[in-house]
Amino acid sequence: MRTATTIEASAGKEAVEFAVEAEKLGLDVCWVAEAWGADAPSPLGYLAARTGTMLLGSGVIQVGTRSPVLIAQTAMTLAHLSGGRFLLGLGVSGPQVMEGLHGVPFGHPLARMRETAEIVREVFAGEKVSYAGRQYQIPLGDGRPMRVSLPPVSVPVYLAALSPRMLELTGEIADGWLGTSFVPEGASAYFTHLDAGLARAGRTRADLDVCQGAEINLVDEADLAAAVAGRKKELAFSLGGMGTASANFYNDAYSRQGWAEVAARVRERWQAGDRDGAAALVTDEMILATTLIGTEDMVRARLRTWRQAGVDTVRLYPAGDTRSARLDNLGRAIDLVRGF
């Protein structure tokens, strides 16, 4: 397996300096997130100048916040600046961020993702852009087709996907899958749909980089209970606070993997304003199944299970109150993966 991490640059220079140090530990890939804080391309440009070996990816650029051609221009620029080390990660985000923050309709996310990926690859190839889709029409009006004046590039396209139809699309058209909320014992909830998309395109699992993420926190056995308890409020937020009361992709993902009743109750308590009550409903099993929290032996065994389930790249979110503590967790995890 390859190793990766994800940073989000709202914390400022601290986040990107962490990524620079992570490369020195031998990290293979650094993804840069974009939610409702810092954007992804700006820190990626900074990291392109400060690093030299690890791959850099947008994890993810939110489709709909930029035109497909601007996304392609950004990807091409970063690919050239990084010496070909850039990976384009795309996601549709959710209705709260798209409509509540950006004022962009969230409707038809599947069509927007497919059309964006098709247009982006057209631009990458150096072709004049001429596209007639349901979501995007280029050119408009009296405009004539144009090509971007940057040299053509080959940039792998990754899709962030949780829902069945988006997973099928990922298998059909993407070079990689950025996943989360992953339980290897319940991996069929994802792979059934990924494999259907792969088969539709005449491809196999070998054609797709399966990149899964989880918190990594290597602790002594005496500290395990506290580490698990400390993660429960974050998971409760994902299950109850992400998205809207009727549309939460994280809640849906946990539900499909066997926790439908608990996930529904957590969302109900969170939406009612009872944050502590929502967190109390999250079980130890839910935390341990979907994270890499535990003793070194526990995490080593868990990583082996992830690899056997079909994970190609493990995306590590290291716990710790300081940069040094987070780097220590990350470095020890990289060593565990290298030991296979």
C-alpha atoms as a PDB file:
ATOM      1  CA  MET A   1       0.000   0.000   0.000  1.00  0.00           C
ATOM      2  CA  ARG A   2       0.989   3.598  -0.568  1.00  0.00           C
ATOM      3  CA  THR A   3       0.692   6.082   2.284  1.00  0.00           C
ATOM      4  CA  ALA A   4      -1.082   9.432   2.138  1.00  0.00           C
ATOM      5  CA  THR A   5      -2.402  12.150   4.389  1.00  0.00           C
ATOM      6  CA  THR A   6      -4.822  15.039   4.030  1.00  0.00           C
ATOM      7  CA  ILE A   7      -4.302  18.588   5.251  1.00  0.00           C
ATOM      8  CA  GLU A   8      -6.684  21.550   5.350  1.00  0.00           C
ATOM      9  CA  ALA A   9      -4.975  24.934   5.253  1.00  0.00           C
ATOM     10  CA  SER A  10      -7.361  26.972   7.380  1.00  0.00           C
ATOM     11  CA  ALA A  11      -4.827  26.646  10.201  1.00  0.00           C
ATOM     12  CA  GLY A  12      -2.418  28.624   8.048  1.00  0.00           C
ATOM     13  CA  LYS A  13       1.240  27.856   7.531  1.00  0.00           C
ATOM     14  CA  GLU A  14       1.219  25.205  10.253  1.00  0.00           C
ATOM     15  CA  ALA A  15      -0.704  22.825   7.978  1.00  0.00           C
ATOM     16  CA  VAL A  16       1.580  23.163   4.980  1.00  0.00           C
ATOM     17  CA  GLU A  17       4.716  22.938   7.115  1.00  0.00           C
ATOM     18  CA  PHE A  18       3.333  19.678   8.486  1.00  0.00           C
ATOM     19  CA  ALA A  19       3.055  18.399   4.905  1.00  0.00           C
ATOM     20  CA  VAL A  20       6.644  19.424   4.137  1.00  0.00           C
ATOM     21  CA  GLU A  21       7.846  17.445   7.156  1.00  0.00           C
ATOM     22  CA  ALA A  22       5.637  14.496   6.211  1.00  0.00           C
ATOM     23  CA  GLU A  23       7.465  14.169   2.900  1.00  0.00           C
ATOM     24  CA  LYS A  24      10.726  13.726   4.845  1.00  0.00           C
ATOM     25  CA  LEU A  25       9.141  10.734   6.585  1.00  0.00           C
ATOM     26  CA  GLY A  26       8.607   9.081   3.201  1.00  0.00           C
ATOM     27  CA  LEU A  27       4.933   9.900   2.667  1.00  0.00           C
ATOM     28  CA  ASP A  28       3.773   9.057  -0.863  1.00  0.00           C
ATOM     29  CA  VAL A  29       0.817  11.433  -1.341  1.00  0.00           C
ATOM     30  CA  CYS A  30      -0.490  14.608   0.295  1.00  0.00           C
ATOM     31  CA  TRP A  31      -4.098  15.561  -0.394  1.00  0.00           C
ATOM     32  CA  VAL A  32      -5.311  19.082   0.339  1.00  0.00           C
ATOM     33  CA  ALA A  33      -8.930  19.425   1.424  1.00  0.00           C
ATOM     34  CA  GLU A  34     -11.410  22.150   0.563  1.00  0.00           C
ATOM     35  CA  ALA A  35     -14.563  22.468   2.653  1.00  0.00           C
ATOM     36  CA  TRP A  36     -15.781  25.838   3.932  1.00  0.00           C
ATOM     37  CA  GLY A  37     -12.403  27.225   4.981  1.00  0.00           C
ATOM     38  CA  ALA A  38      -9.234  27.484   2.918  1.00  0.00           C
ATOM     39  CA  ASP A  39      -9.286  26.605  -0.759  1.00  0.00           C
ATOM     40  CA  ALA A  40      -7.227  23.685  -2.083  1.00  0.00           C
ATOM     41  CA  PRO A  41      -5.235  25.115  -5.048  1.00  0.00           C
ATOM     42  CA  SER A  42      -3.438  27.874  -3.106  1.00  0.00           C
ATOM     43  CA  PRO A  43      -1.647  25.589  -0.600  1.00  0.00           C
ATOM     44  CA  LEU A  44      -1.038  23.058  -3.383  1.00  0.00           C
ATOM     45  CA  GLY A  45       0.935  25.706  -5.285  1.00  0.00           C
ATOM     46  CA  TYR A  46       2.941  26.418  -2.148  1.00  0.00           C
ATOM     47  CA  LEU A  47       3.632  22.713  -1.633  1.00  0.00           C
ATOM     48  CA  ALA A  48       4.653  22.275  -5.257  1.00  0.00           C
ATOM     49  CA  ALA A  49       7.525  24.671  -4.541  1.00  0.00           C
ATOM     50  CA  ARG A  50       8.415  23.242  -1.118  1.00  0.00           C
ATOM     51  CA  THR A  51       8.394  19.514  -1.916  1.00  0.00           C
ATOM     52  CA  GLY A  52      10.071  17.360  -4.512  1.00  0.00           C
ATOM     53  CA  THR A  53       9.028  13.720  -4.329  1.00  0.00           C
ATOM     54  CA  MET A  54       5.535  13.116  -2.961  1.00  0.00           C
ATOM     55  CA  LEU A  55       2.443  13.403  -5.090  1.00  0.00           C
ATOM     56  CA  LEU A  56       0.094  16.327  -4.417  1.00  0.00           C
ATOM     57  CA  GLY A  57      -3.668  16.111  -4.831  1.00  0.00           C
ATOM     58  CA  SER A  58      -6.776  18.208  -4.436  1.00  0.00           C
ATOM     59  CA  GLY A  59      -8.863  16.305  -1.955  1.00  0.00           C
ATOM     60  CA  VAL A  60     -11.198  17.711  -3.209  1.00  0.00           C
ATOM     61  CA  ILE A  61     -12.007  20.589  -5.525  1.00  0.00           C
ATOM     62  CA  GLN A  62     -15.755  21.058  -5.242  1.00  0.00           C
ATOM     63  CA  VAL A  63     -17.490  20.654  -8.592  1.00  0.00           C
ATOM     64  CA  GLY A  64     -19.885  23.530  -9.232  1.00  0.00           C
ATOM     65  CA  THR A  65     -17.844  26.186  -7.437  1.00  0.00           C
ATOM     66  CA  ARG A  66     -15.731  26.651 -10.580  1.00  0.00           C
ATOM     67  CA  SER A  67     -16.329  26.075 -14.265  1.00  0.00           C
ATOM     68  CA  PRO A  68     -14.968  22.774 -15.615  1.00  0.00           C
ATOM     69  CA  VAL A  69     -12.442  24.610 -17.777  1.00  0.00           C
ATOM     70  CA  LEU A  70     -11.166  26.612 -14.804  1.00  0.00           C
ATOM     71  CA  ILE A  71     -10.770  23.356 -12.877  1.00  0.00           C
ATOM     72  CA  ALA A  72      -8.755  21.986 -15.802  1.00  0.00           C
ATOM     73  CA  GLN A  73      -6.618  25.148 -15.989  1.00  0.00           C
ATOM     74  CA  THR A  74      -5.910  24.909 -12.264  1.00  0.00           C
ATOM     75  CA  ALA A  75      -4.964  21.237 -12.549  1.00  0.00           C
ATOM     76  CA  MET A  76      -2.711  21.836 -15.538  1.00  0.00           C
ATOM     77  CA  THR A  77      -0.980  24.742 -13.802  1.00  0.00           C
ATOM     78  CA  LEU A  78      -0.332  22.666 -10.692  1.00  0.00           C
ATOM     79  CA  ALA A  79       0.839  19.708 -12.773  1.00  0.00           C
ATOM     80  CA  HIS A  80       3.411  21.882 -14.535  1.00  0.00           C
ATOM     81  CA  LEU A  81       4.526  23.638 -11.334  1.00  0.00           C
ATOM     82  CA  SER A  82       4.986  20.321  -9.503  1.00  0.00           C
ATOM     83  CA  GLY A  83       6.824  18.539 -12.295  1.00  0.00           C
ATOM     84  CA  GLY A  84       3.972  16.155 -13.017  1.00  0.00           C
ATOM     85  CA  ARG A  85       3.183  15.269  -9.400  1.00  0.00           C
ATOM     86  CA  PHE A  86      -0.419  16.515  -9.316  1.00  0.00           C
ATOM     87  CA  LEU A  87      -3.577  14.413  -8.853  1.00  0.00           C
ATOM     88  CA  LEU A  88      -6.986  15.993  -9.483  1.00  0.00           C
ATOM     89  CA  GLY A  89      -9.512  15.010  -6.854  1.00  0.00           C
ATOM     90  CA  LEU A  90     -13.101  16.100  -7.497  1.00  0.00           C
ATOM     91  CA  GLY A  91     -16.201  15.971  -5.298  1.00  0.00           C
ATOM     92  CA  VAL A  92     -19.737  17.311  -5.407  1.00  0.00           C
ATOM     93  CA  SER A  93     -19.734  18.375  -1.725  1.00  0.00           C
ATOM     94  CA  GLY A  94     -23.255  18.581  -0.271  1.00  0.00           C
ATOM     95  CA  PRO A  95     -26.342  20.779  -0.422  1.00  0.00           C
ATOM     96  CA  GLN A  96     -25.502  22.770   2.717  1.00  0.00           C
ATOM     97  CA  VAL A  97     -22.091  23.919   1.450  1.00  0.00           C
ATOM     98  CA  MET A  98     -23.098  24.357  -2.191  1.00  0.00           C
ATOM     99  CA  GLU A  99     -26.405  26.121  -1.615  1.00  0.00           C
ATOM    100  CA  GLY A 100     -25.895  27.559   1.858  1.00  0.00           C
ATOM    101  CA  LEU A 101     -22.405  28.947   1.272  1.00  0.00           C
ATOM    102  CA  HIS A 102     -21.803  29.220  -2.472  1.00  0.00           C
ATOM    103  CA  GLY A 103     -25.367  29.887  -3.626  1.00  0.00           C
ATOM    104  CA  VAL A 104     -24.996  27.221  -6.319  1.00  0.00           C
ATOM    105  CA  PRO A 105     -27.831  24.698  -6.907  1.00  0.00           C
ATOM    106  CA  PHE A 106     -26.891  21.215  -5.738  1.00  0.00           C
ATOM    107  CA  GLY A 107     -29.236  19.434  -8.140  1.00  0.00           C
ATOM    108  CA  HIS A 108     -27.995  16.816 -10.622  1.00  0.00           C
ATOM    109  CA  PRO A 109     -24.643  16.133  -8.893  1.00  0.00           C
ATOM    110  CA  LEU A 110     -24.045  12.932 -10.874  1.00  0.00           C
ATOM    111  CA  ALA A 111     -24.476  14.660 -14.237  1.00  0.00           C
ATOM    112  CA  ARG A 112     -22.328  17.596 -13.142  1.00  0.00           C
ATOM    113  CA  MET A 113     -19.551  15.260 -12.063  1.00  0.00           C
ATOM    114  CA  ARG A 114     -19.604  13.201 -15.259  1.00  0.00           C
ATOM    115  CA  GLU A 115     -19.677  16.254 -17.518  1.00  0.00           C
ATOM    116  CA  THR A 116     -16.972  18.031 -15.539  1.00  0.00           C
ATOM    117  CA  ALA A 117     -14.655  15.025 -15.807  1.00  0.00           C
ATOM    118  CA  GLU A 118     -15.269  14.749 -19.554  1.00  0.00           C
ATOM    119  CA  ILE A 119     -14.597  18.451 -20.161  1.00  0.00           C
ATOM    120  CA  VAL A 120     -11.508  18.436 -17.939  1.00  0.00           C
ATOM    121  CA  ARG A 121      -9.963  15.570 -19.884  1.00  0.00           C
ATOM    122  CA  GLU A 122     -10.758  17.324 -23.156  1.00  0.00           C
ATOM    123  CA  VAL A 123      -8.832  20.344 -21.929  1.00  0.00           C
ATOM    124  CA  PHE A 124      -5.941  18.198 -20.665  1.00  0.00           C
ATOM    125  CA  ALA A 125      -5.546  16.732 -24.152  1.00  0.00           C
ATOM    126  CA  GLY A 126      -4.997  20.187 -25.649  1.00  0.00           C
ATOM    127  CA  GLU A 127      -8.178  20.059 -27.714  1.00  0.00           C
ATOM    128  CA  LYS A 128     -10.468  22.936 -28.546  1.00  0.00           C
ATOM    129  CA  VAL A 129     -13.296  22.714 -26.056  1.00  0.00           C
ATOM    130  CA  SER A 130     -16.612  21.920 -27.676  1.00  0.00           C
ATOM    131  CA  TYR A 131     -19.121  20.273 -25.380  1.00  0.00           C
ATOM    132  CA  ALA A 132     -22.894  19.935 -25.449  1.00  0.00           C
ATOM    133  CA  GLY A 133     -24.203  18.469 -22.220  1.00  0.00           C
ATOM    134  CA  ARG A 134     -27.221  18.948 -20.010  1.00  0.00           C
ATOM    135  CA  GLN A 135     -25.274  20.857 -17.373  1.00  0.00           C
ATOM    136  CA  TYR A 136     -22.592  22.560 -19.447  1.00  0.00           C
ATOM    137  CA  GLN A 137     -22.557  23.904 -22.992  1.00  0.00           C
ATOM    138  CA  ILE A 138     -19.261  25.203 -24.380  1.00  0.00           C
ATOM    139  CA  PRO A 139     -19.092  27.518 -26.220  1.00  0.00           C
ATOM    140  CA  LEU A 140     -22.197  29.592 -25.537  1.00  0.00           C
ATOM    141  CA  GLY A 141     -23.952  31.944 -27.913  1.00  0.00           C
ATOM    142  CA  ASP A 142     -21.706  33.325 -30.631  1.00  0.00           C
ATOM    143  CA  GLY A 143     -18.530  32.065 -28.957  1.00  0.00           C
ATOM    144  CA  ARG A 144     -16.158  29.828 -30.877  1.00  0.00           C
ATOM    145  CA  PRO A 145     -14.364  26.793 -29.450  1.00  0.00           C
ATOM    146  CA  MET A 146     -11.006  27.613 -27.868  1.00  0.00           C
ATOM    147  CA  ARG A 147      -8.164  25.616 -26.385  1.00  0.00           C
ATOM    148  CA  VAL A 148      -6.235  26.401 -23.234  1.00  0.00           C
ATOM    149  CA  SER A 149      -2.770  27.683 -24.121  1.00  0.00           C
ATOM    150  CA  LEU A 150      -0.940  25.477 -21.588  1.00  0.00           C
ATOM    151  CA  PRO A 151       0.898  22.385 -22.902  1.00  0.00           C
ATOM    152  CA  PRO A 152      -1.194  19.182 -22.680  1.00  0.00           C
ATOM    153  CA  VAL A 153      -0.773  17.116 -19.530  1.00  0.00           C
ATOM    154  CA  SER A 154      -1.719  13.711 -18.181  1.00  0.00           C
ATOM    155  CA  VAL A 155      -3.365  14.196 -14.784  1.00  0.00           C
ATOM    156  CA  PRO A 156      -5.057  11.294 -12.972  1.00  0.00           C
ATOM    157  CA  VAL A 157      -8.639  12.091 -11.954  1.00  0.00           C
ATOM    158  CA  TYR A 158      -9.942  10.854  -8.605  1.00  0.00           C
ATOM    159  CA  LEU A 159     -13.562  11.081  -7.491  1.00  0.00           C
ATOM    160  CA  ALA A 160     -14.744  11.373  -3.899  1.00  0.00           C
ATOM    161  CA  ALA A 161     -17.788   9.130  -3.699  1.00  0.00           C
ATOM    162  CA  LEU A 162     -20.048   7.596  -1.066  1.00  0.00           C
ATOM    163  CA  SER A 163     -23.438   7.082  -2.741  1.00  0.00           C
ATOM    164  CA  PRO A 164     -24.075   3.994  -4.917  1.00  0.00           C
ATOM    165  CA  ARG A 165     -24.539   5.903  -8.192  1.00  0.00           C
ATOM    166  CA  MET A 166     -21.468   8.078  -7.629  1.00  0.00           C
ATOM    167  CA  LEU A 167     -19.467   4.961  -6.802  1.00  0.00           C
ATOM    168  CA  GLU A 168     -20.577   3.394 -10.094  1.00  0.00           C
ATOM    169  CA  LEU A 169     -19.527   6.532 -11.935  1.00  0.00           C
ATOM    170  CA  THR A 170     -16.153   6.402 -10.182  1.00  0.00           C
ATOM    171  CA  GLY A 171     -15.581   2.849 -11.329  1.00  0.00           C
ATOM    172  CA  GLU A 172     -16.608   3.775 -14.852  1.00  0.00           C
ATOM    173  CA  ILE A 173     -14.546   6.930 -15.464  1.00  0.00           C
ATOM    174  CA  ALA A 174     -12.027   7.651 -12.686  1.00  0.00           C
ATOM    175  CA  ASP A 175      -8.386   6.784 -12.127  1.00  0.00           C
ATOM    176  CA  GLY A 176      -8.909   6.631  -8.378  1.00  0.00           C
ATOM    177  CA  TRP A 177     -11.520   6.588  -5.629  1.00  0.00           C
ATOM    178  CA  LEU A 178     -11.271   8.849  -2.589  1.00  0.00           C
ATOM    179  CA  GLY A 179     -13.350   7.133   0.057  1.00  0.00           C
ATOM    180  CA  THR A 180     -14.127   7.548   3.722  1.00  0.00           C
ATOM    181  CA  SER A 181     -16.280   5.956   6.429  1.00  0.00           C
ATOM    182  CA  PHE A 182     -14.745   2.641   5.354  1.00  0.00           C
ATOM    183  CA  VAL A 183     -15.224  -0.665   7.145  1.00  0.00           C
ATOM    184  CA  PRO A 184     -13.230  -3.432   5.425  1.00  0.00           C
ATOM    185  CA  GLU A 185     -15.623  -6.094   6.719  1.00  0.00           C
ATOM    186  CA  GLY A 186     -18.429  -4.193   4.986  1.00  0.00           C
ATOM    187  CA  ALA A 187     -16.448  -3.242   1.894  1.00  0.00           C
ATOM    188  CA  SER A 188     -19.015  -4.831  -0.408  1.00  0.00           C
ATOM    189  CA  ALA A 189     -21.262  -1.834   0.347  1.00  0.00           C
ATOM    190  CA  TYR A 190     -18.796   0.131  -1.773  1.00  0.00           C
ATOM    191  CA  PHE A 191     -17.115  -2.382  -4.056  1.00  0.00           C
ATOM    192  CA  THR A 192     -20.362  -3.806  -5.441  1.00  0.00           C
ATOM    193  CA  HIS A 193     -21.066  -0.421  -7.014  1.00  0.00           C
ATOM    194  CA  LEU A 194     -17.462   0.368  -7.949  1.00  0.00           C
ATOM    195  CA  ASP A 195     -17.150  -3.000  -9.684  1.00  0.00           C
ATOM    196  CA  ALA A 196     -20.397  -2.446 -11.592  1.00  0.00           C
ATOM    197  CA  GLY A 197     -18.982   0.786 -12.987  1.00  0.00           C
ATOM    198  CA  LEU A 198     -15.644  -0.828 -13.785  1.00  0.00           C
ATOM    199  CA  ALA A 199     -17.378  -3.664 -15.653  1.00  0.00           C
ATOM    200  CA  ARG A 200     -19.468  -1.172 -17.634  1.00  0.00           C
ATOM    201  CA  ALA A 201     -16.241   0.406 -18.905  1.00  0.00           C
ATOM    202  CA  GLY A 202     -14.471  -2.913 -19.501  1.00  0.00           C
ATOM    203  CA  ARG A 203     -12.069  -2.265 -16.637  1.00  0.00           C
ATOM    204  CA  THR A 204     -10.964  -4.127 -13.505  1.00  0.00           C
ATOM    205  CA  ARG A 205     -10.056  -3.156  -9.956  1.00  0.00           C
ATOM    206  CA  ALA A 206      -6.406  -2.936 -11.068  1.00  0.00           C
ATOM    207  CA  ASP A 207      -7.361   0.144 -13.113  1.00  0.00           C
ATOM    208  CA  LEU A 208      -8.521   2.043 -10.015  1.00  0.00           C
ATOM    209  CA  ASP A 209      -6.460   3.375  -7.111  1.00  0.00           C
ATOM    210  CA  VAL A 210      -8.591   2.680  -4.036  1.00  0.00           C
ATOM    211  CA  CYS A 211      -7.629   5.407  -1.567  1.00  0.00           C
ATOM    212  CA  GLN A 212      -9.248   5.135   1.854  1.00  0.00           C
ATOM    213  CA  GLY A 213      -8.788   7.389   4.862  1.00  0.00           C
ATOM    214  CA  ALA A 214      -9.007   7.116   8.636  1.00  0.00           C
ATOM    215  CA  GLU A 215      -7.647   8.687  11.793  1.00  0.00           C
ATOM    216  CA  ILE A 216      -4.407   7.089  12.957  1.00  0.00           C
ATOM    217  CA  ASN A 217      -3.649   7.170  16.668  1.00  0.00           C
ATOM    218  CA  LEU A 218      -1.128   4.708  18.060  1.00  0.00           C
ATOM    219  CA  VAL A 219      -1.634   4.458  21.822  1.00  0.00           C
ATOM    220  CA  ASP A 220      -0.763   2.230  24.743  1.00  0.00           C
ATOM    221  CA  GLU A 221      -3.481  -0.147  25.883  1.00  0.00           C
ATOM    222  CA  ALA A 222      -4.035   1.954  29.012  1.00  0.00           C
ATOM    223  CA  ASP A 223      -4.897   4.987  26.854  1.00  0.00           C
ATOM    224  CA  LEU A 224      -7.096   3.184  24.332  1.00  0.00           C
ATOM    225  CA  ALA A 225     -10.467   3.856  25.983  1.00  0.00           C
ATOM    226  CA  ALA A 226      -9.780   7.594  26.204  1.00  0.00           C
ATOM    227  CA  ALA A 227      -8.645   7.755  22.580  1.00  0.00           C
ATOM    228  CA  VAL A 228     -11.814   6.011  21.401  1.00  0.00           C
ATOM    229  CA  ALA A 229     -14.042   8.232  23.545  1.00  0.00           C
ATOM    230  CA  GLY A 230     -12.310  11.339  22.227  1.00  0.00           C
ATOM    231  CA  ARG A 231     -13.283  10.463  18.669  1.00  0.00           C
ATOM    232  CA  LYS A 232     -17.026  10.034  19.314  1.00  0.00           C
ATOM    233  CA  LYS A 233     -18.091  13.674  19.085  1.00  0.00           C
ATOM    234  CA  GLU A 234     -16.352  14.055  15.716  1.00  0.00           C
ATOM    235  CA  LEU A 235     -18.182  11.027  14.346  1.00  0.00           C
ATOM    236  CA  ALA A 236     -21.460  12.310  15.795  1.00  0.00           C
ATOM    237  CA  PHE A 237     -20.909  15.552  13.888  1.00  0.00           C
ATOM    238  CA  SER A 238     -20.370  13.616  10.644  1.00  0.00           C
ATOM    239  CA  LEU A 239     -23.521  11.572  11.216  1.00  0.00           C
ATOM    240  CA  GLY A 240     -25.705  14.416  12.443  1.00  0.00           C
ATOM    241  CA  GLY A 241     -24.240  17.740  11.405  1.00  0.00           C
ATOM    242  CA  MET A 242     -22.878  17.202   7.908  1.00  0.00           C
ATOM    243  CA  GLY A 243     -25.299  17.977   5.091  1.00  0.00           C
ATOM    244  CA  THR A 244     -28.914  18.695   5.958  1.00  0.00           C
ATOM    245  CA  ALA A 245     -31.591  16.959   7.998  1.00  0.00           C
ATOM    246  CA  SER A 246     -32.652  14.990   4.919  1.00  0.00           C
ATOM    247  CA  ALA A 247     -29.351  14.611   2.996  1.00  0.00           C
ATOM    248  CA  ASN A 248     -26.243  13.352   4.787  1.00  0.00           C
ATOM    249  CA  PHE A 249     -23.923  11.128   2.738  1.00  0.00           C
ATOM    250  CA  TYR A 250     -21.892  10.087   5.801  1.00  0.00           C
ATOM    251  CA  ASN A 251     -24.996   8.976   7.656  1.00  0.00           C
ATOM    252  CA  ASP A 252     -26.085   7.019   4.589  1.00  0.00           C
ATOM    253  CA  ALA A 253     -22.668   5.326   4.321  1.00  0.00           C
ATOM    254  CA  TYR A 254     -22.685   4.182   7.940  1.00  0.00           C
ATOM    255  CA  SER A 255     -26.271   3.017   7.541  1.00  0.00           C
ATOM    256  CA  ARG A 256     -25.356   0.822   4.572  1.00  0.00           C
ATOM    257  CA  GLN A 257     -22.597  -0.807   6.634  1.00  0.00           C
ATOM    258  CA  GLY A 258     -24.841  -2.006   9.441  1.00  0.00           C
ATOM    259  CA  TRP A 259     -25.415   0.977  11.723  1.00  0.00           C
ATOM    260  CA  ALA A 260     -28.646   2.369  10.304  1.00  0.00           C
ATOM    261  CA  GLU A 261     -30.500   2.484  13.621  1.00  0.00           C
ATOM    262  CA  VAL A 262     -27.664   4.101  15.561  1.00  0.00           C
ATOM    263  CA  ALA A 263     -26.910   6.560  12.744  1.00  0.00           C
ATOM    264  CA  ALA A 264     -30.556   7.661  12.641  1.00  0.00           C
ATOM    265  CA  ARG A 265     -30.669   8.207  16.404  1.00  0.00           C
ATOM    266  CA  VAL A 266     -27.395  10.154  16.378  1.00  0.00           C
ATOM    267  CA  ARG A 267     -28.714  12.440  13.657  1.00  0.00           C
ATOM    268  CA  GLU A 268     -31.959  12.968  15.553  1.00  0.00           C
ATOM    269  CA  ARG A 269     -30.152  13.945  18.751  1.00  0.00           C
ATOM    270  CA  TRP A 270     -27.660  16.184  16.895  1.00  0.00           C
ATOM    271  CA  GLN A 271     -30.376  17.969  14.950  1.00  0.00           C
ATOM    272  CA  ALA A 272     -32.233  18.539  18.230  1.00  0.00           C
ATOM    273  CA  GLY A 273     -29.172  20.334  19.609  1.00  0.00           C
ATOM    274  CA  ASP A 274     -28.096  17.586  22.010  1.00  0.00           C
ATOM    275  CA  ARG A 275     -24.458  17.234  20.925  1.00  0.00           C
ATOM    276  CA  ASP A 276     -23.333  15.297  24.000  1.00  0.00           C
ATOM    277  CA  GLY A 277     -26.322  12.974  23.754  1.00  0.00           C
ATOM    278  CA  ALA A 278     -25.531  12.298  20.095  1.00  0.00           C
ATOM    279  CA  ALA A 279     -21.905  11.500  20.907  1.00  0.00           C
ATOM    280  CA  ALA A 280     -22.951   9.140  23.700  1.00  0.00           C
ATOM    281  CA  LEU A 281     -24.882   7.036  21.193  1.00  0.00           C
ATOM    282  CA  VAL A 282     -21.771   6.357  19.093  1.00  0.00           C
ATOM    283  CA  THR A 283     -20.408   2.926  20.007  1.00  0.00           C
ATOM    284  CA  ASP A 284     -16.797   1.878  20.546  1.00  0.00           C
ATOM    285  CA  GLU A 285     -17.265  -0.625  17.707  1.00  0.00           C
ATOM    286  CA  MET A 286     -18.134   2.167  15.250  1.00  0.00           C
ATOM    287  CA  ILE A 287     -14.938   4.021  16.137  1.00  0.00           C
ATOM    288  CA  LEU A 288     -12.597   1.025  16.043  1.00  0.00           C
ATOM    289  CA  ALA A 289     -14.110  -0.340  12.827  1.00  0.00           C
ATOM    290  CA  THR A 290     -13.684   2.889  10.857  1.00  0.00           C
ATOM    291  CA  THR A 291     -10.422   4.268  12.273  1.00  0.00           C
ATOM    292  CA  LEU A 292      -6.861   3.144  12.879  1.00  0.00           C
ATOM    293  CA  ILE A 293      -6.912   3.818  16.606  1.00  0.00           C
ATOM    294  CA  GLY A 294      -5.232   1.291  18.851  1.00  0.00           C
ATOM    295  CA  THR A 295      -2.015  -0.287  19.999  1.00  0.00           C
ATOM    296  CA  GLU A 296       0.712  -0.922  17.447  1.00  0.00           C
ATOM    297  CA  ASP A 297      -0.312  -4.582  17.159  1.00  0.00           C
ATOM    298  CA  MET A 298      -3.978  -3.633  16.719  1.00  0.00           C
ATOM    299  CA  VAL A 299      -3.235  -1.075  14.009  1.00  0.00           C
ATOM    300  CA  ARG A 300      -0.811  -3.384  12.195  1.00  0.00           C
ATOM    301  CA  ALA A 301      -3.504  -6.050  12.031  1.00  0.00           C
ATOM    302  CA  ARG A 302      -6.069  -3.483  10.948  1.00  0.00           C
ATOM    303  CA  LEU A 303      -3.855  -2.199   8.140  1.00  0.00           C
ATOM    304  CA  ARG A 304      -3.362  -5.762   6.935  1.00  0.00           C
ATOM    305  CA  THR A 305      -7.145  -6.179   6.846  1.00  0.00           C
ATOM    306  CA  TRP A 306      -7.472  -2.956   4.836  1.00  0.00           C
ATOM    307  CA  ARG A 307      -4.925  -4.196   2.315  1.00  0.00           C
ATOM    308  CA  GLN A 308      -6.641  -7.575   2.006  1.00  0.00           C
ATOM    309  CA  ALA A 309      -9.965  -5.797   1.461  1.00  0.00           C
ATOM    310  CA  GLY A 310      -8.545  -4.047  -1.600  1.00  0.00           C
ATOM    311  CA  VAL A 311      -7.160  -0.714  -0.365  1.00  0.00           C
ATOM    312  CA  ASP A 312      -4.227   0.491  -2.485  1.00  0.00           C
ATOM    313  CA  THR A 313      -3.493   3.792  -0.723  1.00  0.00           C
ATOM    314  CA  VAL A 314      -4.164   4.393   2.965  1.00  0.00           C
ATOM    315  CA  ARG A 315      -4.895   8.026   3.801  1.00  0.00           C
ATOM    316  CA  LEU A 316      -3.752   8.698   7.362  1.00  0.00           C
ATOM    317  CA  TYR A 317      -5.164  11.460   9.582  1.00  0.00           C
ATOM    318  CA  PRO A 318      -2.698  11.523  12.489  1.00  0.00           C
ATOM    319  CA  ALA A 319      -3.992  12.481  15.922  1.00  0.00           C
ATOM    320  CA  GLY A 320      -2.003  14.700  18.253  1.00  0.00           C
ATOM    321  CA  ASP A 321      -2.111  18.050  20.024  1.00  0.00           C
ATOM    322  CA  THR A 322       1.154  19.268  18.496  1.00  0.00           C
ATOM    323  CA  ARG A 323       2.858  19.018  15.103  1.00  0.00           C
ATOM    324  CA  SER A 324       5.512  16.802  16.675  1.00  0.00           C
ATOM    325  CA  ALA A 325       2.894  14.402  18.059  1.00  0.00           C
ATOM    326  CA  ARG A 326       1.066  14.226  14.731  1.00  0.00           C
ATOM    327  CA  LEU A 327       4.300  13.597  12.836  1.00  0.00           C
ATOM    328  CA  ASP A 328       5.236  10.878  15.320  1.00  0.00           C
ATOM    329  CA  ASN A 329       1.906   9.127  14.755  1.00  0.00           C
ATOM    330  CA  LEU A 330       2.271   9.494  10.993  1.00  0.00           C
ATOM    331  CA  GLY A 331       5.870   8.283  10.908  1.00  0.00           C
ATOM    332  CA  ARG A 332       5.089   5.204  12.977  1.00  0.00           C
ATOM    333  CA  ALA A 333       2.129   4.409  10.712  1.00  0.00           C
ATOM    334  CA  ILE A 334       4.290   4.756   7.578  1.00  0.00           C
ATOM    335  CA  ASP A 335       6.761   2.302   9.119  1.00  0.00           C
ATOM    336  CA  LEU A 336       3.948  -0.162   9.803  1.00  0.00           C
ATOM    337  CA  VAL A 337       2.784  -0.015   6.181  1.00  0.00           C
ATOM    338  CA  ARG A 338       6.338  -0.432   4.899  1.00  0.00           C
ATOM    339  CA  GLY A 339       6.672  -3.547   7.034  1.00  0.00           C
ATOM    340  CA  PHE A 340       4.194  -5.548   4.969  1.00  0.00           C
END
